[in-house]
Amino acid sequence: MSARISAFDKIRLGILSTLNKKGAVKPNLLKIKKETGMHLATIKTSIDFLEKNNIIKGFGPKVNFQGLGFNVEATTLLQADLSKKNLLTEFTELAKKDNYTYWLSGMLAFSNYNLVQRQIFKDMESYQKVLQTHYIEKMSDYFLFIKERQVFFTVAPLYKSYSRTDAAIKLIQNIEFDEKKK
């Protein structure tokens, strides 16, 4: 009987984790040269410049979360009492320990929401369980700190999925084109 291969086995998870670390993946300079016609030294210097100026943060795999069984992405808008610094610290420490959370940030809005949290889950029930056990039960003043919460669950089908990097490049190219037209 042959061994069953899984995306979740120790080998593949170890490789995927390592691919995501800084320096593990480097750009293919010869491919860039072939597609752009630029000299290798120009390409290398440009990549070094982009990295040094914090425009490129690194290189790594683009993972399909659904392929790993995470079918729900939760985007939660929070109205938090940021004047309670100790509760903000407690909440952010809990978020750092929450493996489901990959993004927590301040936000500006035309409403009272001031934090945004992004998480991935296998299903919506997992969201409720993590909220209850990881935040509400561990943070006695959760409802003193979080005044309001609005959750948006993103599920398949995706009608447009475009790289943020590609979107930013297109926007810059269009802005430069529009500026030249003036």
N, C-alpha and C. Protein backbone atom coordinates (compact mmCIF):
# COMPACT_ATOMS: atom_id res chain seq x y z
N MET A 1 0.85 -1.18 0.00
CA MET A 1 0.00 0.00 0.00
C MET A 1 0.89 1.24 0.00
N SER A 2 0.60 2.21 -0.85
CA SER A 2 1.42 3.42 -0.95
C SER A 2 1.05 4.41 0.16
N ALA A 3 2.03 5.22 0.52
CA ALA A 3 1.79 6.24 1.54
C ALA A 3 0.90 7.34 0.98
N ARG A 4 0.02 7.83 1.80
CA ARG A 4 -0.89 8.90 1.39
C ARG A 4 -0.20 10.25 1.56
N ILE A 5 -0.21 11.05 0.51
CA ILE A 5 0.42 12.37 0.55
C ILE A 5 -0.64 13.38 0.95
N SER A 6 -0.24 14.29 1.85
CA SER A 6 -1.16 15.30 2.35
C SER A 6 -0.45 16.65 2.41
N ALA A 7 -1.22 17.71 2.17
CA ALA A 7 -0.68 19.06 2.32
C ALA A 7 -0.41 19.38 3.78
N PHE A 8 -0.97 18.58 4.67
CA PHE A 8 -0.85 18.86 6.10
C PHE A 8 0.22 18.03 6.79
N ASP A 9 0.97 17.23 6.04
CA ASP A 9 1.98 16.42 6.72
C ASP A 9 3.16 17.30 7.13
N LYS A 10 3.96 16.78 8.03
CA LYS A 10 5.06 17.52 8.64
C LYS A 10 6.05 18.04 7.59
N ILE A 11 6.31 17.25 6.57
CA ILE A 11 7.27 17.62 5.53
C ILE A 11 6.78 18.85 4.77
N ARG A 12 5.55 18.79 4.25
CA ARG A 12 5.03 19.88 3.44
C ARG A 12 4.80 21.16 4.25
N LEU A 13 4.34 21.01 5.49
CA LEU A 13 4.16 22.19 6.33
C LEU A 13 5.51 22.82 6.68
N GLY A 14 6.52 22.00 6.89
CA GLY A 14 7.86 22.53 7.16
C GLY A 14 8.41 23.28 5.97
N ILE A 15 8.23 22.73 4.77
CA ILE A 15 8.71 23.39 3.55
C ILE A 15 7.95 24.69 3.33
N LEU A 16 6.63 24.66 3.48
CA LEU A 16 5.81 25.85 3.28
C LEU A 16 6.21 26.94 4.28
N SER A 17 6.44 26.57 5.51
CA SER A 17 6.85 27.53 6.54
C SER A 17 8.21 28.14 6.20
N THR A 18 9.13 27.32 5.75
CA THR A 18 10.47 27.81 5.40
C THR A 18 10.42 28.70 4.17
N LEU A 19 9.59 28.36 3.18
CA LEU A 19 9.46 29.19 1.98
C LEU A 19 9.01 30.61 2.33
N ASN A 20 8.29 30.74 3.43
CA ASN A 20 7.73 32.03 3.81
C ASN A 20 8.72 32.88 4.61
N LYS A 21 9.89 32.34 4.94
CA LYS A 21 10.88 33.08 5.71
C LYS A 21 11.74 33.94 4.79
N LYS A 22 12.16 35.07 5.33
CA LYS A 22 12.98 36.02 4.56
C LYS A 22 14.24 35.34 4.06
N GLY A 23 14.51 35.50 2.78
CA GLY A 23 15.72 34.98 2.17
C GLY A 23 15.60 33.57 1.62
N ALA A 24 14.50 32.87 1.91
CA ALA A 24 14.35 31.50 1.42
C ALA A 24 14.03 31.47 -0.07
N VAL A 25 13.32 32.47 -0.54
CA VAL A 25 12.93 32.53 -1.95
C VAL A 25 13.54 33.79 -2.55
N LYS A 26 14.18 33.64 -3.67
CA LYS A 26 14.79 34.76 -4.38
C LYS A 26 14.16 34.87 -5.77
N PRO A 27 14.11 36.08 -6.33
CA PRO A 27 13.54 36.23 -7.67
C PRO A 27 14.43 35.58 -8.73
N ASN A 28 13.80 35.11 -9.77
CA ASN A 28 14.50 34.51 -10.89
C ASN A 28 14.97 35.63 -11.83
N LEU A 29 16.21 36.06 -11.66
CA LEU A 29 16.74 37.19 -12.42
C LEU A 29 16.76 36.93 -13.92
N LEU A 30 17.06 35.69 -14.30
CA LEU A 30 17.09 35.37 -15.74
C LEU A 30 15.71 35.47 -16.36
N LYS A 31 14.68 35.07 -15.63
CA LYS A 31 13.31 35.19 -16.15
C LYS A 31 12.92 36.66 -16.28
N ILE A 32 13.30 37.46 -15.29
CA ILE A 32 13.00 38.89 -15.35
C ILE A 32 13.72 39.52 -16.54
N LYS A 33 14.99 39.12 -16.76
CA LYS A 33 15.76 39.62 -17.90
C LYS A 33 15.07 39.26 -19.21
N LYS A 34 14.61 38.01 -19.30
CA LYS A 34 13.96 37.54 -20.52
C LYS A 34 12.66 38.32 -20.79
N GLU A 35 11.89 38.59 -19.73
CA GLU A 35 10.61 39.28 -19.91
C GLU A 35 10.76 40.78 -20.11
N THR A 36 11.81 41.40 -19.52
CA THR A 36 11.95 42.85 -19.60
C THR A 36 13.01 43.31 -20.59
N GLY A 37 13.96 42.42 -20.91
CA GLY A 37 15.06 42.81 -21.78
C GLY A 37 16.12 43.65 -21.08
N MET A 38 16.00 43.79 -19.79
CA MET A 38 16.95 44.60 -19.02
C MET A 38 18.20 43.80 -18.67
N HIS A 39 19.29 44.51 -18.41
CA HIS A 39 20.56 43.90 -18.03
C HIS A 39 20.43 43.33 -16.62
N LEU A 40 21.12 42.21 -16.36
CA LEU A 40 21.06 41.57 -15.03
C LEU A 40 21.49 42.52 -13.91
N ALA A 41 22.51 43.33 -14.16
CA ALA A 41 22.97 44.27 -13.13
C ALA A 41 21.89 45.30 -12.81
N THR A 42 21.16 45.75 -13.82
CA THR A 42 20.07 46.71 -13.62
C THR A 42 18.96 46.09 -12.78
N ILE A 43 18.65 44.85 -13.09
CA ILE A 43 17.60 44.14 -12.36
C ILE A 43 18.01 43.96 -10.90
N LYS A 44 19.23 43.49 -10.69
CA LYS A 44 19.73 43.25 -9.32
C LYS A 44 19.76 44.55 -8.53
N THR A 45 20.29 45.61 -9.12
CA THR A 45 20.36 46.91 -8.45
C THR A 45 18.95 47.42 -8.11
N SER A 46 18.02 47.25 -9.02
CA SER A 46 16.64 47.71 -8.80
C SER A 46 15.97 46.92 -7.67
N ILE A 47 16.16 45.61 -7.65
CA ILE A 47 15.58 44.80 -6.58
C ILE A 47 16.20 45.19 -5.24
N ASP A 48 17.51 45.38 -5.20
CA ASP A 48 18.18 45.81 -3.97
C ASP A 48 17.63 47.16 -3.49
N PHE A 49 17.42 48.08 -4.44
CA PHE A 49 16.87 49.41 -4.11
C PHE A 49 15.46 49.27 -3.52
N LEU A 50 14.62 48.46 -4.15
CA LEU A 50 13.24 48.28 -3.69
C LEU A 50 13.20 47.64 -2.29
N GLU A 51 14.12 46.71 -2.04
CA GLU A 51 14.19 46.09 -0.72
C GLU A 51 14.69 47.09 0.33
N LYS A 52 15.75 47.81 -0.02
CA LYS A 52 16.35 48.77 0.91
C LYS A 52 15.35 49.86 1.29
N ASN A 53 14.51 50.26 0.36
CA ASN A 53 13.53 51.32 0.60
C ASN A 53 12.18 50.78 1.09
N ASN A 54 12.19 49.52 1.52
CA ASN A 54 11.01 48.89 2.14
C ASN A 54 9.79 48.87 1.22
N ILE A 55 10.03 48.80 -0.06
CA ILE A 55 8.92 48.65 -1.02
C ILE A 55 8.65 47.16 -1.21
N ILE A 56 9.71 46.38 -1.28
CA ILE A 56 9.59 44.92 -1.30
C ILE A 56 9.96 44.43 0.09
N LYS A 57 9.05 43.71 0.73
CA LYS A 57 9.31 43.19 2.07
C LYS A 57 9.90 41.79 2.04
N GLY A 58 9.80 41.12 0.92
CA GLY A 58 10.34 39.78 0.82
C GLY A 58 9.65 39.03 -0.31
N PHE A 59 10.02 37.79 -0.45
CA PHE A 59 9.47 36.93 -1.49
C PHE A 59 8.99 35.65 -0.83
N GLY A 60 7.90 35.12 -1.29
CA GLY A 60 7.39 33.89 -0.70
C GLY A 60 6.25 33.32 -1.51
N PRO A 61 5.73 32.20 -1.06
CA PRO A 61 4.66 31.55 -1.81
C PRO A 61 3.33 32.28 -1.65
N LYS A 62 2.50 32.21 -2.66
CA LYS A 62 1.12 32.70 -2.57
C LYS A 62 0.28 31.46 -2.27
N VAL A 63 -0.26 31.40 -1.08
CA VAL A 63 -0.98 30.22 -0.61
C VAL A 63 -2.47 30.37 -0.84
N ASN A 64 -3.08 29.34 -1.37
CA ASN A 64 -4.53 29.27 -1.51
C ASN A 64 -5.07 28.71 -0.20
N PHE A 65 -5.63 29.57 0.66
CA PHE A 65 -6.11 29.14 1.97
C PHE A 65 -7.19 28.06 1.85
N GLN A 66 -8.04 28.15 0.83
CA GLN A 66 -9.07 27.14 0.65
C GLN A 66 -8.46 25.77 0.37
N GLY A 67 -7.32 25.74 -0.32
CA GLY A 67 -6.64 24.48 -0.58
C GLY A 67 -6.13 23.84 0.70
N LEU A 68 -5.95 24.65 1.74
CA LEU A 68 -5.53 24.15 3.04
C LEU A 68 -6.71 23.92 3.98
N GLY A 69 -7.93 24.12 3.46
CA GLY A 69 -9.13 23.86 4.26
C GLY A 69 -9.70 25.05 4.99
N PHE A 70 -9.12 26.24 4.79
CA PHE A 70 -9.65 27.44 5.43
C PHE A 70 -10.61 28.13 4.45
N ASN A 71 -11.89 27.87 4.62
CA ASN A 71 -12.90 28.31 3.66
C ASN A 71 -13.57 29.62 4.02
N VAL A 72 -13.26 30.16 5.20
CA VAL A 72 -13.90 31.39 5.66
C VAL A 72 -12.83 32.38 6.11
N GLU A 73 -12.93 33.59 5.59
CA GLU A 73 -12.09 34.67 6.09
C GLU A 73 -13.01 35.65 6.80
N ALA A 74 -12.67 35.98 8.04
CA ALA A 74 -13.47 36.92 8.82
C ALA A 74 -12.74 38.26 8.87
N THR A 75 -13.45 39.30 8.48
CA THR A 75 -12.96 40.66 8.65
C THR A 75 -13.87 41.30 9.68
N THR A 76 -13.28 41.67 10.82
CA THR A 76 -14.06 42.21 11.93
C THR A 76 -13.68 43.66 12.16
N LEU A 77 -14.71 44.52 12.10
CA LEU A 77 -14.52 45.93 12.43
C LEU A 77 -14.89 46.09 13.89
N LEU A 78 -14.00 46.72 14.65
CA LEU A 78 -14.21 46.86 16.09
C LEU A 78 -14.23 48.33 16.49
N GLN A 79 -15.18 48.66 17.35
CA GLN A 79 -15.16 49.96 18.00
C GLN A 79 -14.63 49.69 19.40
N ALA A 80 -13.38 50.07 19.62
CA ALA A 80 -12.71 49.79 20.89
C ALA A 80 -12.46 51.10 21.62
N ASP A 81 -12.48 51.02 22.93
CA ASP A 81 -12.15 52.18 23.75
C ASP A 81 -10.64 52.26 23.88
N LEU A 82 -10.01 52.96 22.94
CA LEU A 82 -8.56 53.03 22.88
C LEU A 82 -7.95 53.87 24.00
N SER A 83 -8.80 54.56 24.74
CA SER A 83 -8.28 55.32 25.89
C SER A 83 -7.87 54.38 27.03
N LYS A 84 -8.38 53.17 27.01
CA LYS A 84 -8.03 52.16 28.01
C LYS A 84 -6.80 51.40 27.51
N LYS A 85 -5.63 52.02 27.68
CA LYS A 85 -4.37 51.50 27.14
C LYS A 85 -4.06 50.10 27.63
N ASN A 86 -4.35 49.82 28.90
CA ASN A 86 -4.06 48.48 29.44
C ASN A 86 -4.92 47.42 28.75
N LEU A 87 -6.17 47.75 28.41
CA LEU A 87 -7.03 46.80 27.72
C LEU A 87 -6.60 46.64 26.26
N LEU A 88 -6.15 47.73 25.66
CA LEU A 88 -5.62 47.63 24.29
C LEU A 88 -4.42 46.70 24.27
N THR A 89 -3.53 46.85 25.23
CA THR A 89 -2.35 45.98 25.32
C THR A 89 -2.78 44.53 25.52
N GLU A 90 -3.73 44.30 26.42
CA GLU A 90 -4.21 42.94 26.68
C GLU A 90 -4.82 42.33 25.42
N PHE A 91 -5.64 43.12 24.72
CA PHE A 91 -6.28 42.64 23.50
C PHE A 91 -5.25 42.31 22.41
N THR A 92 -4.29 43.20 22.21
CA THR A 92 -3.28 42.95 21.17
C THR A 92 -2.41 41.75 21.52
N GLU A 93 -2.13 41.54 22.81
CA GLU A 93 -1.36 40.35 23.22
C GLU A 93 -2.16 39.08 22.94
N LEU A 94 -3.45 39.11 23.19
CA LEU A 94 -4.29 37.94 22.86
C LEU A 94 -4.29 37.69 21.35
N ALA A 95 -4.38 38.76 20.57
CA ALA A 95 -4.39 38.62 19.11
C ALA A 95 -3.06 38.04 18.61
N LYS A 96 -1.94 38.43 19.24
CA LYS A 96 -0.64 37.90 18.83
C LYS A 96 -0.54 36.40 19.08
N LYS A 97 -1.24 35.93 20.11
CA LYS A 97 -1.22 34.50 20.44
C LYS A 97 -2.29 33.72 19.68
N ASP A 98 -3.18 34.42 19.00
CA ASP A 98 -4.28 33.80 18.26
C ASP A 98 -3.78 33.42 16.86
N ASN A 99 -3.60 32.13 16.63
CA ASN A 99 -3.08 31.67 15.33
C ASN A 99 -4.05 31.92 14.18
N TYR A 100 -5.32 32.15 14.47
CA TYR A 100 -6.30 32.44 13.42
C TYR A 100 -6.17 33.87 12.90
N THR A 101 -5.67 34.77 13.74
CA THR A 101 -5.52 36.18 13.36
C THR A 101 -4.23 36.37 12.60
N TYR A 102 -4.34 36.93 11.39
CA TYR A 102 -3.13 37.25 10.63
C TYR A 102 -2.97 38.76 10.46
N TRP A 103 -3.97 39.54 10.88
CA TRP A 103 -3.89 40.99 10.72
C TRP A 103 -4.70 41.65 11.82
N LEU A 104 -4.10 42.59 12.51
CA LEU A 104 -4.80 43.46 13.45
C LEU A 104 -4.20 44.83 13.28
N SER A 105 -5.05 45.81 13.03
CA SER A 105 -4.54 47.14 12.73
C SER A 105 -5.54 48.20 13.18
N GLY A 106 -5.01 49.39 13.43
CA GLY A 106 -5.88 50.54 13.60
C GLY A 106 -6.49 50.87 12.26
N MET A 107 -7.62 51.56 12.29
CA MET A 107 -8.24 51.96 11.03
C MET A 107 -8.93 53.30 11.20
N LEU A 108 -9.06 53.98 10.11
CA LEU A 108 -9.83 55.22 10.06
C LEU A 108 -11.10 54.92 9.28
N ALA A 109 -12.22 55.41 9.77
CA ALA A 109 -13.49 55.12 9.11
C ALA A 109 -14.45 56.28 9.29
N PHE A 110 -15.47 56.34 8.44
CA PHE A 110 -16.54 57.30 8.60
C PHE A 110 -17.58 56.73 9.54
N SER A 111 -17.09 56.15 10.61
CA SER A 111 -17.94 55.55 11.64
C SER A 111 -17.12 55.51 12.92
N ASN A 112 -17.60 54.81 13.90
CA ASN A 112 -16.88 54.74 15.17
C ASN A 112 -15.90 53.57 15.23
N TYR A 113 -15.78 52.78 14.16
CA TYR A 113 -14.85 51.66 14.18
C TYR A 113 -13.42 52.18 14.11
N ASN A 114 -12.53 51.58 14.92
CA ASN A 114 -11.15 52.06 14.95
C ASN A 114 -10.12 50.94 14.90
N LEU A 115 -10.56 49.68 14.88
CA LEU A 115 -9.65 48.54 14.71
C LEU A 115 -10.24 47.61 13.66
N VAL A 116 -9.37 46.94 12.93
CA VAL A 116 -9.81 45.89 12.00
C VAL A 116 -8.96 44.65 12.27
N GLN A 117 -9.64 43.51 12.31
CA GLN A 117 -8.98 42.23 12.58
C GLN A 117 -9.36 41.28 11.44
N ARG A 118 -8.36 40.61 10.91
CA ARG A 118 -8.60 39.63 9.84
C ARG A 118 -8.12 38.27 10.30
N GLN A 119 -8.98 37.27 10.06
CA GLN A 119 -8.70 35.91 10.51
C GLN A 119 -9.14 34.93 9.44
N ILE A 120 -8.57 33.71 9.49
CA ILE A 120 -9.03 32.63 8.61
C ILE A 120 -9.48 31.46 9.47
N PHE A 121 -10.54 30.79 8.99
CA PHE A 121 -11.14 29.67 9.72
C PHE A 121 -11.57 28.59 8.74
N LYS A 122 -11.72 27.39 9.26
CA LYS A 122 -12.26 26.30 8.45
C LYS A 122 -13.75 26.51 8.20
N ASP A 123 -14.46 27.07 9.20
CA ASP A 123 -15.90 27.30 9.08
C ASP A 123 -16.32 28.42 10.03
N MET A 124 -17.56 28.86 9.92
CA MET A 124 -18.04 29.98 10.72
C MET A 124 -18.17 29.61 12.20
N GLU A 125 -18.45 28.35 12.48
CA GLU A 125 -18.56 27.92 13.87
C GLU A 125 -17.22 28.09 14.60
N SER A 126 -16.12 27.88 13.88
CA SER A 126 -14.80 28.06 14.47
C SER A 126 -14.58 29.50 14.90
N TYR A 127 -15.11 30.43 14.12
CA TYR A 127 -14.99 31.84 14.48
C TYR A 127 -15.64 32.09 15.85
N GLN A 128 -16.86 31.61 16.02
CA GLN A 128 -17.58 31.82 17.27
C GLN A 128 -16.82 31.21 18.45
N LYS A 129 -16.29 30.02 18.24
CA LYS A 129 -15.57 29.32 19.31
C LYS A 129 -14.31 30.10 19.70
N VAL A 130 -13.54 30.57 18.73
CA VAL A 130 -12.31 31.32 19.01
C VAL A 130 -12.65 32.64 19.70
N LEU A 131 -13.67 33.33 19.23
CA LEU A 131 -14.07 34.58 19.86
C LEU A 131 -14.39 34.34 21.34
N GLN A 132 -15.18 33.31 21.61
CA GLN A 132 -15.60 33.02 22.98
C GLN A 132 -14.42 32.58 23.87
N THR A 133 -13.67 31.58 23.40
CA THR A 133 -12.64 30.98 24.25
C THR A 133 -11.34 31.77 24.30
N HIS A 134 -11.00 32.45 23.21
CA HIS A 134 -9.70 33.12 23.16
C HIS A 134 -9.77 34.59 23.57
N TYR A 135 -10.94 35.21 23.43
CA TYR A 135 -11.05 36.63 23.74
C TYR A 135 -11.99 36.89 24.92
N ILE A 136 -13.26 36.55 24.77
CA ILE A 136 -14.25 36.89 25.80
C ILE A 136 -13.92 36.22 27.14
N GLU A 137 -13.60 34.92 27.13
CA GLU A 137 -13.31 34.22 28.39
C GLU A 137 -11.96 34.60 28.99
N LYS A 138 -11.00 35.00 28.17
CA LYS A 138 -9.66 35.33 28.68
C LYS A 138 -9.51 36.80 29.06
N MET A 139 -10.40 37.65 28.57
CA MET A 139 -10.32 39.08 28.82
C MET A 139 -11.56 39.50 29.60
N SER A 140 -11.43 39.62 30.90
CA SER A 140 -12.60 39.88 31.75
C SER A 140 -13.30 41.18 31.39
N ASP A 141 -12.57 42.17 30.88
CA ASP A 141 -13.17 43.45 30.51
C ASP A 141 -13.37 43.58 29.00
N TYR A 142 -13.56 42.45 28.32
CA TYR A 142 -13.71 42.47 26.86
C TYR A 142 -14.80 43.46 26.43
N PHE A 143 -15.97 43.39 27.06
CA PHE A 143 -17.09 44.24 26.64
C PHE A 143 -16.95 45.67 27.14
N LEU A 144 -16.04 45.91 28.06
CA LEU A 144 -15.71 47.27 28.47
C LEU A 144 -14.80 47.91 27.42
N PHE A 145 -13.96 47.07 26.80
CA PHE A 145 -13.03 47.54 25.78
C PHE A 145 -13.67 47.57 24.39
N ILE A 146 -14.33 46.50 24.00
CA ILE A 146 -14.98 46.41 22.69
C ILE A 146 -16.42 46.86 22.84
N LYS A 147 -16.73 48.01 22.27
CA LYS A 147 -18.08 48.59 22.38
C LYS A 147 -19.01 48.05 21.31
N GLU A 148 -18.46 47.80 20.13
CA GLU A 148 -19.27 47.30 19.02
C GLU A 148 -18.38 46.49 18.10
N ARG A 149 -19.01 45.52 17.44
CA ARG A 149 -18.26 44.62 16.56
C ARG A 149 -19.13 44.32 15.35
N GLN A 150 -18.54 44.43 14.17
CA GLN A 150 -19.24 44.09 12.92
C GLN A 150 -18.37 43.10 12.18
N VAL A 151 -18.91 41.92 11.87
CA VAL A 151 -18.12 40.86 11.25
C VAL A 151 -18.62 40.61 9.83
N PHE A 152 -17.67 40.49 8.91
CA PHE A 152 -17.96 40.15 7.52
C PHE A 152 -17.23 38.85 7.21
N PHE A 153 -17.97 37.86 6.76
CA PHE A 153 -17.38 36.57 6.40
C PHE A 153 -17.26 36.50 4.89
N THR A 154 -16.05 36.28 4.40
CA THR A 154 -15.81 36.14 2.98
C THR A 154 -15.70 34.65 2.67
N VAL A 155 -16.53 34.20 1.73
CA VAL A 155 -16.54 32.78 1.35
C VAL A 155 -16.55 32.69 -0.17
N ALA A 156 -16.32 31.49 -0.68
CA ALA A 156 -16.36 31.26 -2.12
C ALA A 156 -17.81 31.42 -2.59
N PRO A 157 -18.05 31.82 -3.80
CA PRO A 157 -17.06 32.06 -4.86
C PRO A 157 -16.48 33.46 -4.76
N LEU A 158 -15.23 33.56 -5.17
CA LEU A 158 -14.58 34.86 -5.27
C LEU A 158 -14.85 35.39 -6.68
N TYR A 159 -15.32 36.61 -6.76
CA TYR A 159 -15.65 37.18 -8.07
C TYR A 159 -14.46 37.94 -8.65
N LYS A 160 -13.56 38.35 -7.79
CA LYS A 160 -12.32 38.95 -8.25
C LYS A 160 -11.30 38.74 -7.15
N SER A 161 -10.19 38.18 -7.51
CA SER A 161 -9.09 38.00 -6.57
C SER A 161 -7.84 38.45 -7.29
N TYR A 162 -7.34 39.58 -6.88
CA TYR A 162 -6.24 40.22 -7.57
C TYR A 162 -5.17 40.55 -6.54
N SER A 163 -3.96 40.35 -6.85
CA SER A 163 -2.85 40.65 -5.96
C SER A 163 -2.83 42.13 -5.58
N ARG A 164 -2.63 42.42 -4.29
CA ARG A 164 -2.53 43.83 -3.88
C ARG A 164 -1.32 44.48 -4.54
N THR A 165 -0.26 43.71 -4.73
CA THR A 165 0.93 44.24 -5.38
C THR A 165 0.61 44.64 -6.82
N ASP A 166 -0.05 43.75 -7.57
CA ASP A 166 -0.42 44.06 -8.95
C ASP A 166 -1.35 45.27 -9.00
N ALA A 167 -2.29 45.34 -8.06
CA ALA A 167 -3.22 46.47 -8.01
C ALA A 167 -2.46 47.78 -7.79
N ALA A 168 -1.51 47.80 -6.86
CA ALA A 168 -0.73 49.01 -6.57
C ALA A 168 0.09 49.43 -7.79
N ILE A 169 0.69 48.45 -8.46
CA ILE A 169 1.49 48.76 -9.66
C ILE A 169 0.61 49.37 -10.74
N LYS A 170 -0.56 48.77 -10.99
CA LYS A 170 -1.49 49.30 -12.00
C LYS A 170 -1.93 50.72 -11.64
N LEU A 171 -2.22 50.95 -10.35
CA LEU A 171 -2.63 52.29 -9.92
C LEU A 171 -1.53 53.31 -10.18
N ILE A 172 -0.31 52.97 -9.82
CA ILE A 172 0.82 53.88 -10.04
C ILE A 172 1.01 54.14 -11.52
N GLN A 173 0.93 53.08 -12.34
CA GLN A 173 1.09 53.25 -13.78
C GLN A 173 -0.02 54.16 -14.33
N ASN A 174 -1.24 53.98 -13.87
CA ASN A 174 -2.36 54.82 -14.35
C ASN A 174 -2.22 56.25 -13.87
N ILE A 175 -1.75 56.45 -12.63
CA ILE A 175 -1.57 57.81 -12.13
C ILE A 175 -0.50 58.52 -12.94
N GLU A 176 0.61 57.84 -13.22
CA GLU A 176 1.69 58.43 -14.02
C GLU A 176 1.18 58.75 -15.43
N PHE A 177 0.37 57.84 -16.01
CA PHE A 177 -0.18 58.06 -17.36
C PHE A 177 -1.11 59.26 -17.34
N ASP A 178 -1.98 59.35 -16.30
CA ASP A 178 -2.91 60.47 -16.19
C ASP A 178 -2.17 61.78 -16.00
N GLU A 179 -1.07 61.78 -15.22
CA GLU A 179 -0.27 62.98 -14.99
C GLU A 179 0.37 63.46 -16.30
N LYS A 180 0.82 62.52 -17.13
CA LYS A 180 1.45 62.89 -18.40
C LYS A 180 0.43 63.48 -19.37
N LYS A 181 -0.84 63.06 -19.26
CA LYS A 181 -1.89 63.55 -20.14
C LYS A 181 -2.25 65.00 -19.83
N LYS A 182 -1.99 65.44 -18.60
CA LYS A 182 -2.37 66.82 -18.20
C LYS A 182 -1.50 67.86 -18.82
